[in-house]
PDB file of N, CA and C in Angstrom:
ATOM      1  N   LEU A   1      -7.621 -10.269   0.206  1.00  0.00           N
ATOM      2  CA  LEU A   1      -6.479 -11.089  -0.179  1.00  0.00           C
ATOM      3  C   LEU A   1      -6.262 -11.057  -1.687  1.00  0.00           C
ATOM      4  N   ALA A   2      -7.333 -10.968  -2.450  1.00  0.00           N
ATOM      5  CA  ALA A   2      -7.188 -10.931  -3.911  1.00  0.00           C
ATOM      6  C   ALA A   2      -6.414  -9.709  -4.382  1.00  0.00           C
ATOM      7  N   GLN A   3      -6.453  -8.640  -3.600  1.00  0.00           N
ATOM      8  CA  GLN A   3      -5.761  -7.412  -3.992  1.00  0.00           C
ATOM      9  C   GLN A   3      -4.240  -7.546  -3.922  1.00  0.00           C
ATOM     10  N   THR A   4      -3.721  -8.590  -3.295  1.00  0.00           N
ATOM     11  CA  THR A   4      -2.269  -8.788  -3.263  1.00  0.00           C
ATOM     12  C   THR A   4      -1.710  -8.959  -4.671  1.00  0.00           C
ATOM     13  N   THR A   5      -2.542  -9.442  -5.591  1.00  0.00           N
ATOM     14  CA  THR A   5      -2.063  -9.628  -6.969  1.00  0.00           C
ATOM     15  C   THR A   5      -1.637  -8.310  -7.594  1.00  0.00           C
ATOM     16  N   TYR A   6      -2.244  -7.194  -7.195  1.00  0.00           N
ATOM     17  CA  TYR A   6      -1.839  -5.880  -7.719  1.00  0.00           C
ATOM     18  C   TYR A   6      -0.374  -5.616  -7.415  1.00  0.00           C
ATOM     19  N   TYR A   7       0.045  -5.984  -6.210  1.00  0.00           N
ATOM     20  CA  TYR A   7       1.417  -5.725  -5.781  1.00  0.00           C
ATOM     21  C   TYR A   7       2.406  -6.623  -6.511  1.00  0.00           C
ATOM     22  N   PHE A   8       2.068  -7.901  -6.659  1.00  0.00           N
ATOM     23  CA  PHE A   8       2.955  -8.809  -7.386  1.00  0.00           C
ATOM     24  C   PHE A   8       3.063  -8.401  -8.852  1.00  0.00           C
ATOM     25  N   TRP A   9       1.947  -8.050  -9.471  1.00  0.00           N
ATOM     26  CA  TRP A   9       1.952  -7.633 -10.876  1.00  0.00           C
ATOM     27  C   TRP A   9       2.795  -6.368 -11.035  1.00  0.00           C
ATOM     28  N   SER A  10       2.582  -5.388 -10.161  1.00  0.00           N
ATOM     29  CA  SER A  10       3.335  -4.130 -10.238  1.00  0.00           C
ATOM     30  C   SER A  10       4.818  -4.356 -10.012  1.00  0.00           C
ATOM     31  N   TYR A  11       5.147  -5.183  -9.036  1.00  0.00           N
ATOM     32  CA  TYR A  11       6.553  -5.483  -8.763  1.00  0.00           C
ATOM     33  C   TYR A  11       7.227  -6.098  -9.994  1.00  0.00           C
ATOM     34  N   LEU A  12       6.561  -7.034 -10.621  1.00  0.00           N
ATOM     35  CA  LEU A  12       7.133  -7.680 -11.804  1.00  0.00           C
ATOM     36  C   LEU A  12       7.312  -6.690 -12.949  1.00  0.00           C
ATOM     37  N   ARG A  13       6.387  -5.766 -13.131  1.00  0.00           N
ATOM     38  CA  ARG A  13       6.513  -4.763 -14.192  1.00  0.00           C
ATOM     39  C   ARG A  13       7.688  -3.825 -13.913  1.00  0.00           C
ATOM     40  N   VAL A  14       7.830  -3.404 -12.657  1.00  0.00           N
ATOM     41  CA  VAL A  14       8.927  -2.498 -12.296  1.00  0.00           C
ATOM     42  C   VAL A  14      10.265  -3.202 -12.440  1.00  0.00           C
ATOM     43  N   THR A  15      10.366  -4.444 -11.993  1.00  0.00           N
ATOM     44  CA  THR A  15      11.642  -5.155 -12.088  1.00  0.00           C
ATOM     45  C   THR A  15      11.991  -5.504 -13.530  1.00  0.00           C
ATOM     46  N   ASP A  16      10.984  -5.660 -14.393  1.00  0.00           N
ATOM     47  CA  ASP A  16      11.261  -5.851 -15.817  1.00  0.00           C
ATOM     48  C   ASP A  16      11.904  -4.614 -16.420  1.00  0.00           C
ATOM     49  N   LYS A  17      11.395  -3.452 -16.027  1.00  0.00           N
ATOM     50  CA  LYS A  17      11.851  -2.195 -16.622  1.00  0.00           C
ATOM     51  C   LYS A  17      13.110  -1.639 -15.945  1.00  0.00           C
ATOM     52  N   TYR A  18      13.253  -1.827 -14.633  1.00  0.00           N
ATOM     53  CA  TYR A  18      14.371  -1.251 -13.879  1.00  0.00           C
ATOM     54  C   TYR A  18      15.053  -2.308 -13.007  1.00  0.00           C
ATOM     55  N   PRO A  19      15.576  -3.365 -13.597  1.00  0.00           N
ATOM     56  CA  PRO A  19      16.122  -4.457 -12.776  1.00  0.00           C
ATOM     57  C   PRO A  19      17.295  -4.040 -11.892  1.00  0.00           C
ATOM     58  N   ASN A  20      18.189  -3.212 -12.399  1.00  0.00           N
ATOM     59  CA  ASN A  20      19.364  -2.821 -11.610  1.00  0.00           C
ATOM     60  C   ASN A  20      18.997  -1.930 -10.442  1.00  0.00           C
ATOM     61  N   GLU A  21      18.067  -1.024 -10.661  1.00  0.00           N
ATOM     62  CA  GLU A  21      17.650  -0.120  -9.591  1.00  0.00           C
ATOM     63  C   GLU A  21      16.966  -0.873  -8.461  1.00  0.00           C
ATOM     64  N   VAL A  22      16.142  -1.857  -8.811  1.00  0.00           N
ATOM     65  CA  VAL A  22      15.442  -2.628  -7.787  1.00  0.00           C
ATOM     66  C   VAL A  22      16.425  -3.480  -6.998  1.00  0.00           C
ATOM     67  N   LYS A  23      17.411  -4.066  -7.675  1.00  0.00           N
ATOM     68  CA  LYS A  23      18.419  -4.876  -6.980  1.00  0.00           C
ATOM     69  C   LYS A  23      19.203  -4.042  -5.978  1.00  0.00           C
ATOM     70  N   ALA A  24      19.461  -2.773  -6.313  1.00  0.00           N
ATOM     71  CA  ALA A  24      20.250  -1.902  -5.455  1.00  0.00           C
ATOM     72  C   ALA A  24      19.444  -1.342  -4.280  1.00  0.00           C
ATOM     73  N   SER A  25      18.144  -1.502  -4.314  1.00  0.00           N
ATOM     74  CA  SER A  25      17.294  -0.946  -3.252  1.00  0.00           C
ATOM     75  C   SER A  25      16.836  -2.046  -2.297  1.00  0.00           C
ATOM     76  N   ASN A  26      16.032  -1.653  -1.346  1.00  0.00           N
ATOM     77  CA  ASN A  26      15.466  -2.618  -0.389  1.00  0.00           C
ATOM     78  C   ASN A  26      14.045  -2.985  -0.774  1.00  0.00           C
ATOM     79  N   GLY A  27      13.793  -3.222  -2.033  1.00  0.00           N
ATOM     80  CA  GLY A  27      12.456  -3.543  -2.504  1.00  0.00           C
ATOM     81  C   GLY A  27      11.820  -2.356  -3.190  1.00  0.00           C
ATOM     82  N   VAL A  28      10.584  -2.528  -3.559  1.00  0.00           N
ATOM     83  CA  VAL A  28       9.832  -1.487  -4.248  1.00  0.00           C
ATOM     84  C   VAL A  28       8.892  -0.830  -3.241  1.00  0.00           C
ATOM     85  N   ASN A  29       8.893   0.499  -3.220  1.00  0.00           N
ATOM     86  CA  ASN A  29       7.972   1.248  -2.370  1.00  0.00           C
ATOM     87  C   ASN A  29       6.657   1.441  -3.107  1.00  0.00           C
ATOM     88  N   PHE A  30       5.558   1.407  -2.370  1.00  0.00           N
ATOM     89  CA  PHE A  30       4.234   1.611  -2.946  1.00  0.00           C
ATOM     90  C   PHE A  30       3.534   2.740  -2.205  1.00  0.00           C
ATOM     91  N   SER A  31       2.989   3.671  -2.946  1.00  0.00           N
ATOM     92  CA  SER A  31       2.153   4.735  -2.391  1.00  0.00           C
ATOM     93  C   SER A  31       0.710   4.422  -2.775  1.00  0.00           C
ATOM     94  N   VAL A  32      -0.154   4.301  -1.771  1.00  0.00           N
ATOM     95  CA  VAL A  32      -1.510   3.815  -1.999  1.00  0.00           C
ATOM     96  C   VAL A  32      -2.526   4.861  -1.549  1.00  0.00           C
ATOM     97  N   PRO A  33      -3.312   5.388  -2.489  1.00  0.00           N
ATOM     98  CA  PRO A  33      -4.400   6.278  -2.070  1.00  0.00           C
ATOM     99  C   PRO A  33      -5.521   5.433  -1.469  1.00  0.00           C
ATOM    100  N   THR A  34      -5.851   5.706  -0.241  1.00  0.00           N
ATOM    101  CA  THR A  34      -6.829   4.864   0.428  1.00  0.00           C
ATOM    102  C   THR A  34      -7.581   5.626   1.497  1.00  0.00           C
ATOM    103  N   GLY A  35      -8.793   5.247   1.729  1.00  0.00           N
ATOM    104  CA  GLY A  35      -9.575   5.779   2.815  1.00  0.00           C
ATOM    105  C   GLY A  35      -9.833   4.698   3.847  1.00  0.00           C
ATOM    106  N   ASN A  36      -9.557   3.466   3.499  1.00  0.00           N
ATOM    107  CA  ASN A  36      -9.827   2.357   4.388  1.00  0.00           C
ATOM    108  C   ASN A  36      -8.687   1.350   4.278  1.00  0.00           C
ATOM    109  N   PHE A  37      -8.840   0.197   4.865  1.00  0.00           N
ATOM    110  CA  PHE A  37      -7.732  -0.749   4.985  1.00  0.00           C
ATOM    111  C   PHE A  37      -7.431  -1.599   3.761  1.00  0.00           C
ATOM    112  N   GLY A  38      -8.397  -1.832   2.875  1.00  0.00           N
ATOM    113  CA  GLY A  38      -8.293  -2.825   1.821  1.00  0.00           C
ATOM    114  C   GLY A  38      -6.988  -2.914   1.062  1.00  0.00           C
ATOM    115  N   ASP A  39      -6.684  -1.911   0.277  1.00  0.00           N
ATOM    116  CA  ASP A  39      -5.509  -2.004  -0.597  1.00  0.00           C
ATOM    117  C   ASP A  39      -4.191  -1.996   0.170  1.00  0.00           C
ATOM    118  N   ILE A  40      -4.081  -1.183   1.193  1.00  0.00           N
ATOM    119  CA  ILE A  40      -2.814  -1.134   1.930  1.00  0.00           C
ATOM    120  C   ILE A  40      -2.592  -2.416   2.719  1.00  0.00           C
ATOM    121  N   LEU A  41      -3.652  -3.013   3.224  1.00  0.00           N
ATOM    122  CA  LEU A  41      -3.527  -4.297   3.920  1.00  0.00           C
ATOM    123  C   LEU A  41      -3.060  -5.376   2.956  1.00  0.00           C
ATOM    124  N   ALA A  42      -3.529  -5.325   1.728  1.00  0.00           N
ATOM    125  CA  ALA A  42      -3.070  -6.276   0.711  1.00  0.00           C
ATOM    126  C   ALA A  42      -1.570  -6.128   0.478  1.00  0.00           C
ATOM    127  N   GLY A  43      -1.073  -4.897   0.498  1.00  0.00           N
ATOM    128  CA  GLY A  43       0.370  -4.673   0.361  1.00  0.00           C
ATOM    129  C   GLY A  43       1.144  -5.264   1.521  1.00  0.00           C
ATOM    130  N   TYR A  44       0.611  -5.125   2.714  1.00  0.00           N
ATOM    131  CA  TYR A  44       1.229  -5.718   3.898  1.00  0.00           C
ATOM    132  C   TYR A  44       1.267  -7.245   3.775  1.00  0.00           C
ATOM    133  N   TYR A  45       0.138  -7.819   3.333  1.00  0.00           N
ATOM    134  CA  TYR A  45       0.104  -9.270   3.137  1.00  0.00           C
ATOM    135  C   TYR A  45       1.106  -9.715   2.076  1.00  0.00           C
ATOM    136  N   ALA A  46       1.200  -8.965   0.983  1.00  0.00           N
ATOM    137  CA  ALA A  46       2.159  -9.317  -0.077  1.00  0.00           C
ATOM    138  C   ALA A  46       3.584  -9.314   0.474  1.00  0.00           C
ATOM    139  N   LYS A  47       3.880  -8.327   1.315  1.00  0.00           N
ATOM    140  CA  LYS A  47       5.210  -8.263   1.937  1.00  0.00           C
ATOM    141  C   LYS A  47       5.434  -9.476   2.839  1.00  0.00           C
ATOM    142  N   LYS A  48       4.430  -9.832   3.635  1.00  0.00           N
ATOM    143  CA  LYS A  48       4.549 -10.997   4.511  1.00  0.00           C
ATOM    144  C   LYS A  48       4.659 -12.301   3.717  1.00  0.00           C
ATOM    145  N   MET A  49       4.127 -12.298   2.489  1.00  0.00           N
ATOM    146  CA  MET A  49       4.210 -13.482   1.627  1.00  0.00           C
ATOM    147  C   MET A  49       5.576 -13.595   0.954  1.00  0.00           C
ATOM    148  N   GLY A  50       6.443 -12.591   1.166  1.00  0.00           N
ATOM    149  CA  GLY A  50       7.793 -12.660   0.632  1.00  0.00           C
ATOM    150  C   GLY A  50       8.106 -11.689  -0.490  1.00  0.00           C
ATOM    151  N   LEU A  51       7.157 -10.904  -0.933  1.00  0.00           N
ATOM    152  CA  LEU A  51       7.426  -9.923  -1.978  1.00  0.00           C
ATOM    153  C   LEU A  51       8.332  -8.840  -1.401  1.00  0.00           C
ATOM    154  N   PRO A  52       9.416  -8.485  -2.110  1.00  0.00           N
ATOM    155  CA  PRO A  52      10.334  -7.465  -1.596  1.00  0.00           C
ATOM    156  C   PRO A  52       9.725  -6.056  -1.654  1.00  0.00           C
ATOM    157  N   VAL A  53       8.891  -5.756  -0.679  1.00  0.00           N
ATOM    158  CA  VAL A  53       8.250  -4.447  -0.573  1.00  0.00           C
ATOM    159  C   VAL A  53       9.078  -3.606   0.383  1.00  0.00           C
ATOM    160  N   GLY A  54       9.393  -2.381  -0.043  1.00  0.00           N
ATOM    161  CA  GLY A  54      10.095  -1.448   0.834  1.00  0.00           C
ATOM    162  C   GLY A  54       9.102  -0.795   1.768  1.00  0.00           C
ATOM    163  N   LYS A  55       8.715   0.427   1.428  1.00  0.00           N
ATOM    164  CA  LYS A  55       7.759   1.167   2.245  1.00  0.00           C
ATOM    165  C   LYS A  55       6.354   1.061   1.660  1.00  0.00           C
ATOM    166  N   LEU A  56       5.379   1.037   2.541  1.00  0.00           N
ATOM    167  CA  LEU A  56       3.976   1.143   2.163  1.00  0.00           C
ATOM    168  C   LEU A  56       3.515   2.515   2.654  1.00  0.00           C
ATOM    169  N   ILE A  57       3.229   3.397   1.730  1.00  0.00           N
ATOM    170  CA  ILE A  57       2.881   4.778   2.045  1.00  0.00           C
ATOM    171  C   ILE A  57       1.389   4.972   1.790  1.00  0.00           C
ATOM    172  N   VAL A  58       0.670   5.449   2.808  1.00  0.00           N
ATOM    173  CA  VAL A  58      -0.765   5.656   2.690  1.00  0.00           C
ATOM    174  C   VAL A  58      -1.024   7.136   2.419  1.00  0.00           C
ATOM    175  N   ALA A  59      -1.746   7.405   1.345  1.00  0.00           N
ATOM    176  CA  ALA A  59      -2.156   8.777   1.025  1.00  0.00           C
ATOM    177  C   ALA A  59      -3.663   8.871   1.251  1.00  0.00           C
ATOM    178  N   THR A  60      -4.111   9.931   1.920  1.00  0.00           N
ATOM    179  CA  THR A  60      -5.532  10.069   2.197  1.00  0.00           C
ATOM    180  C   THR A  60      -6.075  11.370   1.623  1.00  0.00           C
ATOM    181  N   ASN A  61      -7.385  11.407   1.526  1.00  0.00           N
ATOM    182  CA  ASN A  61      -8.090  12.630   1.153  1.00  0.00           C
ATOM    183  C   ASN A  61      -9.165  12.852   2.212  1.00  0.00           C
ATOM    184  N   GLU A  62     -10.278  13.437   1.852  1.00  0.00           N
ATOM    185  CA  GLU A  62     -11.337  13.662   2.836  1.00  0.00           C
ATOM    186  C   GLU A  62     -11.890  12.358   3.413  1.00  0.00           C
ATOM    187  N   ASN A  63     -11.799  11.292   2.663  1.00  0.00           N
ATOM    188  CA  ASN A  63     -12.207   9.979   3.144  1.00  0.00           C
ATOM    189  C   ASN A  63     -11.046   9.390   3.945  1.00  0.00           C
ATOM    190  N   ASP A  64     -10.804   9.968   5.118  1.00  0.00           N
ATOM    191  CA  ASP A  64      -9.578   9.685   5.879  1.00  0.00           C
ATOM    192  C   ASP A  64      -9.795   8.766   7.072  1.00  0.00           C
ATOM    193  N   ILE A  65     -10.678   7.790   6.921  1.00  0.00           N
ATOM    194  CA  ILE A  65     -11.019   6.936   8.053  1.00  0.00           C
ATOM    195  C   ILE A  65      -9.801   6.181   8.608  1.00  0.00           C
ATOM    196  N   LEU A  66      -8.894   5.766   7.748  1.00  0.00           N
ATOM    197  CA  LEU A  66      -7.697   5.053   8.210  1.00  0.00           C
ATOM    198  C   LEU A  66      -6.803   5.978   9.042  1.00  0.00           C
ATOM    199  N   HIS A  67      -6.604   7.199   8.574  1.00  0.00           N
ATOM    200  CA  HIS A  67      -5.800   8.181   9.319  1.00  0.00           C
ATOM    201  C   HIS A  67      -6.440   8.478  10.675  1.00  0.00           C
ATOM    202  N   ARG A  68      -7.748   8.706  10.685  1.00  0.00           N
ATOM    203  CA  ARG A  68      -8.437   8.996  11.952  1.00  0.00           C
ATOM    204  C   ARG A  68      -8.357   7.823  12.909  1.00  0.00           C
ATOM    205  N   PHE A  69      -8.430   6.621  12.376  1.00  0.00           N
ATOM    206  CA  PHE A  69      -8.355   5.443  13.236  1.00  0.00           C
ATOM    207  C   PHE A  69      -7.023   5.388  13.977  1.00  0.00           C
ATOM    208  N   PHE A  70      -5.929   5.608  13.263  1.00  0.00           N
ATOM    209  CA  PHE A  70      -4.614   5.513  13.897  1.00  0.00           C
ATOM    210  C   PHE A  70      -4.258   6.751  14.721  1.00  0.00           C
ATOM    211  N   SER A  71      -4.713   7.921  14.303  1.00  0.00           N
ATOM    212  CA  SER A  71      -4.325   9.127  15.028  1.00  0.00           C
ATOM    213  C   SER A  71      -5.255   9.468  16.197  1.00  0.00           C
ATOM    214  N   LYS A  72      -6.550   9.121  16.083  1.00  0.00           N
ATOM    215  CA  LYS A  72      -7.515   9.497  17.117  1.00  0.00           C
ATOM    216  C   LYS A  72      -8.271   8.311  17.725  1.00  0.00           C
ATOM    217  N   GLY A  73      -8.083   7.133  17.169  1.00  0.00           N
ATOM    218  CA  GLY A  73      -8.806   5.973  17.660  1.00  0.00           C
ATOM    219  C   GLY A  73     -10.268   5.953  17.251  1.00  0.00           C
ATOM    220  N   GLU A  74     -10.640   6.753  16.252  1.00  0.00           N
ATOM    221  CA  GLU A  74     -12.023   6.823  15.774  1.00  0.00           C
ATOM    222  C   GLU A  74     -12.194   5.974  14.528  1.00  0.00           C
ATOM    223  N   TYR A  75     -13.295   5.248  14.466  1.00  0.00           N
ATOM    224  CA  TYR A  75     -13.583   4.473  13.262  1.00  0.00           C
ATOM    225  C   TYR A  75     -15.065   4.588  12.959  1.00  0.00           C
ATOM    226  N   HIS A  76     -15.456   5.715  12.402  1.00  0.00           N
ATOM    227  CA  HIS A  76     -16.838   5.942  12.005  1.00  0.00           C
ATOM    228  C   HIS A  76     -16.877   6.936  10.854  1.00  0.00           C
ATOM    229  N   ARG A  77     -18.014   6.951  10.169  1.00  0.00           N
ATOM    230  CA  ARG A  77     -18.161   7.797   8.988  1.00  0.00           C
ATOM    231  C   ARG A  77     -18.486   9.227   9.359  1.00  0.00           C
ATOM    232  N   TYR A  78     -18.018  10.139   8.515  1.00  0.00           N
ATOM    233  CA  TYR A  78     -18.419  11.531   8.525  1.00  0.00           C
ATOM    234  C   TYR A  78     -18.983  11.846   7.162  1.00  0.00           C
ATOM    235  N   ASP A  79     -19.875  12.807   7.090  1.00  0.00           N
ATOM    236  CA  ASP A  79     -20.307  13.291   5.779  1.00  0.00           C
ATOM    237  C   ASP A  79     -19.162  14.042   5.116  1.00  0.00           C
ATOM    238  N   ILE A  80     -18.956  13.781   3.845  1.00  0.00           N
ATOM    239  CA  ILE A  80     -17.917  14.484   3.081  1.00  0.00           C
ATOM    240  C   ILE A  80     -18.605  15.580   2.287  1.00  0.00           C
ATOM    241  N   ASN A  81     -18.129  16.799   2.464  1.00  0.00           N
ATOM    242  CA  ASN A  81     -18.743  17.955   1.766  1.00  0.00           C
ATOM    243  C   ASN A  81     -18.329  18.030   0.327  1.00  0.00           C
TER     244      ASN A  81
END
């Protein structure tokens, strides 16, 4: 839950710098590099708390546990080479 502050802080910085662009859009989109739920879940919570979040985009690397969970139903560790 504490990670929601990242989204509010970022939103305020973007709206300070680009107020007209944000008003014309459906919120601010966030791309989050993640291997697990923490940061992206915080973005979801921030959106549910009323922050105008557009899309939440998850980017993964070899630590792709979140991708595997949704695509294959697997939630366990693999060794990363």
